[in-house]
Protein backbone atom coordinates (compact mmCIF):
# COMPACT_ATOMS: atom_id res chain seq x y z
CA MET A 1 59.63 51.40 -6.76
CA ASN A 2 62.13 54.19 -7.33
CA LYS A 3 61.38 57.88 -6.83
CA VAL A 4 61.11 58.70 -10.55
CA LEU A 5 58.36 56.14 -11.01
CA GLN A 6 56.62 57.33 -7.85
CA PHE A 7 56.59 60.91 -9.13
CA LEU A 8 55.31 59.76 -12.51
CA GLY A 9 52.46 57.98 -10.74
CA LEU A 10 51.73 61.07 -8.67
CA ALA A 11 51.74 63.27 -11.79
CA MET A 12 49.40 60.79 -13.48
CA LYS A 13 46.95 60.99 -10.58
CA ALA A 14 47.16 64.80 -10.78
CA GLY A 15 46.22 64.63 -14.47
CA LYS A 16 49.58 66.02 -15.62
CA ILE A 17 50.73 63.04 -17.73
CA VAL A 18 49.95 62.22 -21.34
CA SER A 19 50.83 58.74 -22.57
CA GLY A 20 50.26 56.76 -25.71
CA GLU A 21 51.98 57.58 -28.99
CA GLN A 22 49.22 59.68 -30.59
CA ALA A 23 48.47 61.67 -27.43
CA VAL A 24 52.16 62.36 -26.79
CA GLN A 25 52.73 63.44 -30.41
CA SER A 26 49.78 65.83 -30.12
CA ALA A 27 51.04 67.27 -26.82
CA LEU A 28 54.48 67.83 -28.36
CA LYS A 29 53.09 69.40 -31.51
CA ASN A 30 50.86 71.77 -29.54
CA LYS A 31 53.62 72.48 -26.97
CA LYS A 32 51.36 71.38 -24.11
CA CYS A 33 54.05 69.46 -22.25
CA SER A 34 57.20 70.38 -20.36
CA LEU A 35 59.17 67.13 -20.63
CA LEU A 36 59.24 64.03 -22.82
CA ILE A 37 60.44 60.72 -21.44
CA VAL A 38 61.26 58.00 -23.97
CA ALA A 39 61.87 54.46 -22.73
CA ARG A 40 65.37 53.14 -23.40
CA ASP A 41 63.91 49.92 -24.79
CA ALA A 42 61.53 51.65 -27.22
CA THR A 43 62.13 50.85 -30.88
CA GLU A 44 64.71 52.97 -32.66
CA ASN A 45 61.98 54.31 -34.96
CA THR A 46 59.84 55.41 -32.00
CA LYS A 47 62.81 57.03 -30.26
CA LYS A 48 63.78 58.91 -33.40
CA ARG A 49 60.23 60.11 -34.13
CA MET A 50 59.53 61.25 -30.56
CA ILE A 51 62.88 62.93 -30.02
CA GLN A 52 62.65 64.76 -33.35
CA SER A 53 59.20 66.06 -32.38
CA ALA A 54 60.49 67.22 -29.00
CA VAL A 55 63.51 68.97 -30.51
CA PHE A 56 61.36 70.63 -33.18
CA SER A 57 58.97 71.88 -30.46
CA GLY A 58 61.79 72.96 -28.14
CA ILE A 59 60.71 70.56 -25.39
CA PRO A 60 63.40 68.82 -23.30
CA TYR A 61 63.53 65.04 -23.41
CA LEU A 62 65.14 62.15 -21.56
CA GLN A 63 65.76 58.54 -22.50
CA TRP A 64 65.05 56.77 -19.25
CA GLY A 65 63.58 53.55 -17.90
CA GLU A 66 61.89 50.66 -19.63
CA LYS A 67 58.47 50.48 -21.30
CA GLU A 68 57.08 48.05 -18.76
CA ALA A 69 58.14 50.13 -15.73
CA LEU A 70 56.80 53.38 -17.23
CA GLY A 71 53.45 51.75 -17.96
CA ARG A 72 53.22 50.16 -14.53
CA ALA A 73 53.96 53.49 -12.81
CA LEU A 74 51.03 55.02 -14.72
CA GLY A 75 48.69 52.10 -14.06
CA LYS A 76 48.64 51.22 -17.76
CA ALA A 77 50.16 48.80 -20.25
CA ASP A 78 53.73 49.27 -21.51
CA ARG A 79 54.48 52.86 -22.54
CA SER A 80 57.29 53.83 -24.92
CA SER A 81 56.86 57.53 -24.30
CA VAL A 82 55.36 59.77 -21.64
CA ALA A 83 54.80 63.53 -21.74
CA VAL A 84 54.82 65.48 -18.46
CA CYS A 85 52.46 68.46 -18.78
CA ASP A 86 53.40 70.44 -15.70
CA ALA A 87 56.61 72.47 -15.30
CA GLY A 88 56.98 71.63 -11.60
CA PHE A 89 56.60 67.88 -12.09
CA ALA A 90 58.85 68.04 -15.16
CA LYS A 91 61.64 69.77 -13.23
CA LYS A 92 61.46 67.32 -10.32
CA ILE A 93 61.23 64.21 -12.53
CA SER A 94 64.13 65.41 -14.69
CA SER A 95 66.23 66.03 -11.58
CA LEU A 96 65.39 62.58 -10.18
CA CYS A 97 66.18 60.88 -13.50
CA GLN A 98 69.62 62.49 -13.58
CA GLU A 99 70.29 61.53 -9.94
CA ASN A 100 69.11 57.99 -10.68
CA GLU A 101 71.59 57.67 -13.59
CA ILE A 102 74.47 58.59 -11.27
CA GLU A 103 73.59 56.04 -8.55
């Protein structure tokens, strides 16, 4: 498992992850999260809706990973989007995602 997924799992155990479309939308709307991750293989409609919500709320977002891997890292079923609700975890996960894209 790569480091991004490991940190997502750690953040989940710490209670700093929101997943599931409704919960993520709510976290974005209420500005309760620090980072949105949208799976690359999510539907175009889901990507558009989530990214628009993040931009409107001023929350940074990344398109990274696949639904199955995101869900597995969280101990759940496939996840199209994940909201990180802690600034420290968000910064580290964002950094790792960018490093992972370069490798």
